C-alpha cells in the first residue's frame, strides 16, 4: 500500500464493512454523508451496493456520487478508489 494513502483509506480497506457509517468511506465527509442520507444511503455497505449495481463501473459510480451527494471530482474519485480497493480485498 502506498505511503500516500490516508489513514481513513487504510482503515476503510483493512477490514470488512460490518456496520460502518457512510461517513467512514474516504472522500465522504459530514456534508456528503448528510446528502447521501437524504438519498437513503446511511451505511458504507449501501454505497458498496450502488457500486456493484453499476457493475463496478468507476466512471458511472463517480457520476452517481457527484449527482446524488454533491461530491466534487476529487471526493468522488477518493470514494470510488476506496470502494474499488475494498472489493479487491474482500470480494
N, C-alpha and C. Protein backbone atom coordinates (compact mmCIF):
# COMPACT_ATOMS: atom_id res chain seq x y z
N UNK A 1 0.85 -1.18 0.00
CA UNK A 1 0.00 0.00 0.00
C UNK A 1 0.88 1.23 0.00
N UNK A 2 0.54 2.19 -0.78
CA UNK A 2 1.33 3.41 -0.93
C UNK A 2 1.32 4.23 0.35
N UNK A 3 2.43 4.90 0.59
CA UNK A 3 2.50 5.76 1.77
C UNK A 3 1.69 7.03 1.57
N UNK A 4 1.15 7.25 0.36
CA UNK A 4 0.35 8.44 0.10
C UNK A 4 -1.12 8.24 0.42
N UNK A 5 -1.53 7.03 0.77
CA UNK A 5 -2.92 6.80 1.13
C UNK A 5 -3.18 7.35 2.52
N UNK A 6 -4.38 7.83 2.73
CA UNK A 6 -4.74 8.41 4.02
C UNK A 6 -5.01 7.31 5.05
N UNK A 7 -4.98 7.69 6.30
CA UNK A 7 -5.32 6.76 7.37
C UNK A 7 -6.76 6.29 7.21
N UNK A 8 -7.65 7.20 6.81
CA UNK A 8 -9.05 6.84 6.61
C UNK A 8 -9.17 5.77 5.53
N UNK A 9 -8.39 5.89 4.45
CA UNK A 9 -8.39 4.89 3.38
C UNK A 9 -7.89 3.56 3.90
N UNK A 10 -6.78 3.57 4.62
CA UNK A 10 -6.22 2.33 5.15
C UNK A 10 -7.19 1.66 6.12
N UNK A 11 -7.84 2.45 6.97
CA UNK A 11 -8.81 1.90 7.91
C UNK A 11 -9.99 1.28 7.17
N UNK A 12 -10.47 1.97 6.15
CA UNK A 12 -11.65 1.50 5.41
C UNK A 12 -11.37 0.20 4.67
N UNK A 13 -10.20 0.07 4.10
CA UNK A 13 -9.89 -1.09 3.26
C UNK A 13 -9.25 -2.24 4.02
N UNK A 14 -9.06 -2.08 5.32
CA UNK A 14 -8.34 -3.11 6.07
C UNK A 14 -9.24 -4.13 6.76
N UNK A 15 -10.54 -3.90 6.77
CA UNK A 15 -11.44 -4.81 7.47
C UNK A 15 -12.80 -4.83 6.81
N UNK A 16 -13.60 -5.87 7.07
CA UNK A 16 -14.95 -5.93 6.50
C UNK A 16 -15.79 -4.72 6.89
N UNK A 17 -16.79 -4.41 6.09
CA UNK A 17 -17.61 -3.22 6.32
C UNK A 17 -18.45 -3.30 7.58
N UNK A 18 -18.97 -4.49 7.87
CA UNK A 18 -19.86 -4.68 9.01
C UNK A 18 -20.92 -3.58 9.00
N UNK A 19 -20.92 -2.72 10.01
CA UNK A 19 -21.95 -1.70 10.15
C UNK A 19 -21.37 -0.29 10.05
N UNK A 20 -20.31 -0.13 9.24
CA UNK A 20 -19.66 1.18 9.12
C UNK A 20 -20.61 2.22 8.54
N UNK A 21 -20.55 3.41 9.09
CA UNK A 21 -21.33 4.52 8.59
C UNK A 21 -20.76 4.99 7.25
N UNK A 22 -21.59 5.55 6.41
CA UNK A 22 -21.14 6.02 5.10
C UNK A 22 -20.06 7.09 5.24
N UNK A 23 -20.05 7.82 6.35
CA UNK A 23 -19.03 8.86 6.56
C UNK A 23 -17.64 8.27 6.75
N UNK A 24 -17.53 6.96 6.95
CA UNK A 24 -16.23 6.31 7.09
C UNK A 24 -15.59 5.97 5.74
N UNK A 25 -16.32 6.21 4.66
CA UNK A 25 -15.78 6.00 3.32
C UNK A 25 -14.89 7.19 2.99
N UNK A 26 -13.65 6.96 2.57
CA UNK A 26 -12.78 8.08 2.19
C UNK A 26 -13.45 8.96 1.13
N UNK A 27 -13.28 10.25 1.27
CA UNK A 27 -13.90 11.20 0.35
C UNK A 27 -15.27 11.67 0.81
N UNK A 28 -15.86 10.96 1.76
CA UNK A 28 -17.20 11.30 2.25
C UNK A 28 -17.06 11.93 3.64
N UNK A 29 -17.29 13.22 3.69
CA UNK A 29 -17.27 13.94 4.95
C UNK A 29 -18.67 14.16 5.47
N UNK A 30 -18.82 14.99 6.50
CA UNK A 30 -20.14 15.21 7.10
C UNK A 30 -21.19 15.73 6.13
N UNK A 31 -20.83 16.68 5.26
CA UNK A 31 -21.79 17.26 4.33
C UNK A 31 -22.27 16.22 3.31
N UNK A 32 -21.32 15.50 2.71
CA UNK A 32 -21.70 14.49 1.72
C UNK A 32 -22.47 13.34 2.38
N UNK A 33 -22.07 13.00 3.60
CA UNK A 33 -22.78 11.96 4.35
C UNK A 33 -24.24 12.37 4.55
N UNK A 34 -24.44 13.61 4.92
CA UNK A 34 -25.80 14.13 5.12
C UNK A 34 -26.58 14.09 3.81
N UNK A 35 -25.93 14.48 2.72
CA UNK A 35 -26.59 14.45 1.40
C UNK A 35 -26.97 13.03 1.01
N UNK A 36 -26.07 12.07 1.27
CA UNK A 36 -26.36 10.67 0.95
C UNK A 36 -27.49 10.13 1.82
N UNK A 37 -27.52 10.55 3.07
CA UNK A 37 -28.60 10.12 3.96
C UNK A 37 -29.95 10.57 3.42
N UNK A 38 -29.96 11.74 2.79
CA UNK A 38 -31.18 12.22 2.15
C UNK A 38 -31.63 11.33 1.00
N UNK A 39 -30.68 10.61 0.42
CA UNK A 39 -30.98 9.66 -0.66
C UNK A 39 -31.20 8.25 -0.12
N UNK A 40 -31.18 8.10 1.20
CA UNK A 40 -31.42 6.79 1.81
C UNK A 40 -30.17 5.96 2.02
N UNK A 41 -28.99 6.52 1.79
CA UNK A 41 -27.72 5.80 1.98
C UNK A 41 -27.12 6.24 3.31
N UNK A 42 -27.13 5.34 4.30
CA UNK A 42 -26.57 5.68 5.60
C UNK A 42 -25.37 4.82 5.98
N UNK A 43 -25.23 3.68 5.34
CA UNK A 43 -24.16 2.74 5.67
C UNK A 43 -23.22 2.55 4.48
N UNK A 44 -21.98 2.23 4.79
CA UNK A 44 -20.98 2.03 3.74
C UNK A 44 -21.38 0.87 2.83
N UNK A 45 -22.00 -0.17 3.39
CA UNK A 45 -22.38 -1.31 2.55
C UNK A 45 -23.47 -0.93 1.55
N UNK A 46 -24.27 0.07 1.87
CA UNK A 46 -25.28 0.54 0.92
C UNK A 46 -24.61 1.26 -0.25
N UNK A 47 -23.56 2.03 0.04
CA UNK A 47 -22.81 2.68 -1.03
C UNK A 47 -22.08 1.64 -1.88
N UNK A 48 -21.55 0.61 -1.24
CA UNK A 48 -20.95 -0.50 -1.98
C UNK A 48 -21.99 -1.14 -2.90
N UNK A 49 -23.22 -1.26 -2.42
CA UNK A 49 -24.30 -1.81 -3.24
C UNK A 49 -24.55 -1.00 -4.50
N UNK A 50 -24.46 0.32 -4.38
CA UNK A 50 -24.62 1.18 -5.56
C UNK A 50 -23.50 0.88 -6.55
N UNK A 51 -22.27 0.80 -6.04
CA UNK A 51 -21.11 0.50 -6.89
C UNK A 51 -21.31 -0.84 -7.62
N UNK A 52 -21.76 -1.84 -6.90
CA UNK A 52 -21.97 -3.16 -7.51
C UNK A 52 -23.13 -3.13 -8.49
N UNK A 53 -24.19 -2.39 -8.17
CA UNK A 53 -25.34 -2.26 -9.07
C UNK A 53 -24.93 -1.61 -10.39
N UNK A 54 -23.96 -0.72 -10.30
CA UNK A 54 -23.45 -0.06 -11.50
C UNK A 54 -22.35 -0.89 -12.17
N UNK A 55 -22.29 -2.17 -11.79
CA UNK A 55 -21.38 -3.15 -12.37
C UNK A 55 -19.91 -2.74 -12.25
N UNK A 56 -19.58 -2.14 -11.12
CA UNK A 56 -18.21 -1.72 -10.79
C UNK A 56 -17.65 -0.74 -11.82
N UNK A 57 -18.53 0.00 -12.47
CA UNK A 57 -18.10 0.99 -13.46
C UNK A 57 -17.69 2.26 -12.72
N UNK A 58 -16.40 2.51 -12.67
CA UNK A 58 -15.88 3.63 -11.87
C UNK A 58 -16.41 4.97 -12.36
N UNK A 59 -16.49 5.14 -13.66
CA UNK A 59 -16.97 6.43 -14.20
C UNK A 59 -18.42 6.68 -13.80
N UNK A 60 -19.29 5.68 -13.96
CA UNK A 60 -20.69 5.84 -13.60
C UNK A 60 -20.85 6.05 -12.09
N UNK A 61 -20.07 5.32 -11.30
CA UNK A 61 -20.17 5.48 -9.86
C UNK A 61 -19.78 6.89 -9.45
N UNK A 62 -18.70 7.39 -10.03
CA UNK A 62 -18.28 8.75 -9.69
C UNK A 62 -19.33 9.77 -10.10
N UNK A 63 -19.94 9.58 -11.27
CA UNK A 63 -21.02 10.47 -11.68
C UNK A 63 -22.20 10.37 -10.73
N UNK A 64 -22.52 9.14 -10.32
CA UNK A 64 -23.64 8.93 -9.41
C UNK A 64 -23.41 9.66 -8.09
N UNK A 65 -22.23 9.52 -7.53
CA UNK A 65 -21.96 10.14 -6.23
C UNK A 65 -21.88 11.67 -6.35
N UNK A 66 -21.45 12.15 -7.48
CA UNK A 66 -21.45 13.59 -7.71
C UNK A 66 -22.89 14.11 -7.82
N UNK A 67 -23.74 13.38 -8.55
CA UNK A 67 -25.13 13.80 -8.73
C UNK A 67 -25.96 13.64 -7.47
N UNK A 68 -25.73 12.57 -6.71
CA UNK A 68 -26.58 12.26 -5.57
C UNK A 68 -26.08 12.78 -4.23
N UNK A 69 -24.80 13.08 -4.14
CA UNK A 69 -24.27 13.58 -2.87
C UNK A 69 -23.66 14.98 -2.99
N UNK A 70 -23.49 15.44 -4.22
CA UNK A 70 -22.88 16.74 -4.42
C UNK A 70 -21.37 16.72 -4.28
N UNK A 71 -20.78 15.54 -4.46
CA UNK A 71 -19.32 15.41 -4.35
C UNK A 71 -18.64 16.12 -5.51
N UNK A 72 -17.44 16.64 -5.24
CA UNK A 72 -16.64 17.17 -6.34
C UNK A 72 -15.87 16.00 -6.96
N UNK A 73 -15.12 16.28 -8.02
CA UNK A 73 -14.40 15.21 -8.72
C UNK A 73 -13.43 14.47 -7.80
N UNK A 74 -12.70 15.21 -6.98
CA UNK A 74 -11.72 14.60 -6.09
C UNK A 74 -12.40 13.71 -5.04
N UNK A 75 -13.46 14.20 -4.44
CA UNK A 75 -14.18 13.40 -3.44
C UNK A 75 -14.76 12.14 -4.07
N UNK A 76 -15.33 12.28 -5.26
CA UNK A 76 -15.91 11.12 -5.95
C UNK A 76 -14.83 10.09 -6.27
N UNK A 77 -13.67 10.57 -6.71
CA UNK A 77 -12.56 9.66 -7.03
C UNK A 77 -12.06 8.96 -5.77
N UNK A 78 -11.93 9.70 -4.66
CA UNK A 78 -11.48 9.09 -3.40
C UNK A 78 -12.43 7.99 -2.96
N UNK A 79 -13.72 8.27 -3.00
CA UNK A 79 -14.71 7.27 -2.59
C UNK A 79 -14.67 6.06 -3.52
N UNK A 80 -14.58 6.31 -4.80
CA UNK A 80 -14.53 5.22 -5.78
C UNK A 80 -13.28 4.37 -5.59
N UNK A 81 -12.14 5.01 -5.42
CA UNK A 81 -10.90 4.27 -5.22
C UNK A 81 -10.97 3.39 -3.97
N UNK A 82 -11.57 3.92 -2.91
CA UNK A 82 -11.69 3.15 -1.66
C UNK A 82 -12.63 1.96 -1.84
N UNK A 83 -13.76 2.18 -2.47
CA UNK A 83 -14.72 1.09 -2.71
C UNK A 83 -14.08 0.04 -3.60
N UNK A 84 -13.37 0.47 -4.64
CA UNK A 84 -12.71 -0.47 -5.54
C UNK A 84 -11.65 -1.27 -4.80
N UNK A 85 -10.85 -0.62 -3.96
CA UNK A 85 -9.82 -1.32 -3.18
C UNK A 85 -10.46 -2.30 -2.21
N UNK A 86 -11.58 -1.91 -1.61
CA UNK A 86 -12.29 -2.80 -0.70
C UNK A 86 -12.74 -4.06 -1.45
N UNK A 87 -13.31 -3.86 -2.64
CA UNK A 87 -13.76 -5.01 -3.45
C UNK A 87 -12.61 -5.93 -3.79
N UNK A 88 -11.47 -5.37 -4.14
CA UNK A 88 -10.30 -6.17 -4.48
C UNK A 88 -9.84 -7.00 -3.28
N UNK A 89 -9.98 -6.43 -2.12
CA UNK A 89 -9.52 -7.08 -0.88
C UNK A 89 -10.50 -8.15 -0.40
N UNK A 90 -11.81 -7.88 -0.48
CA UNK A 90 -12.78 -8.74 0.19
C UNK A 90 -13.78 -9.45 -0.72
N UNK A 91 -13.91 -9.03 -1.97
CA UNK A 91 -14.92 -9.69 -2.83
C UNK A 91 -14.25 -10.53 -3.91
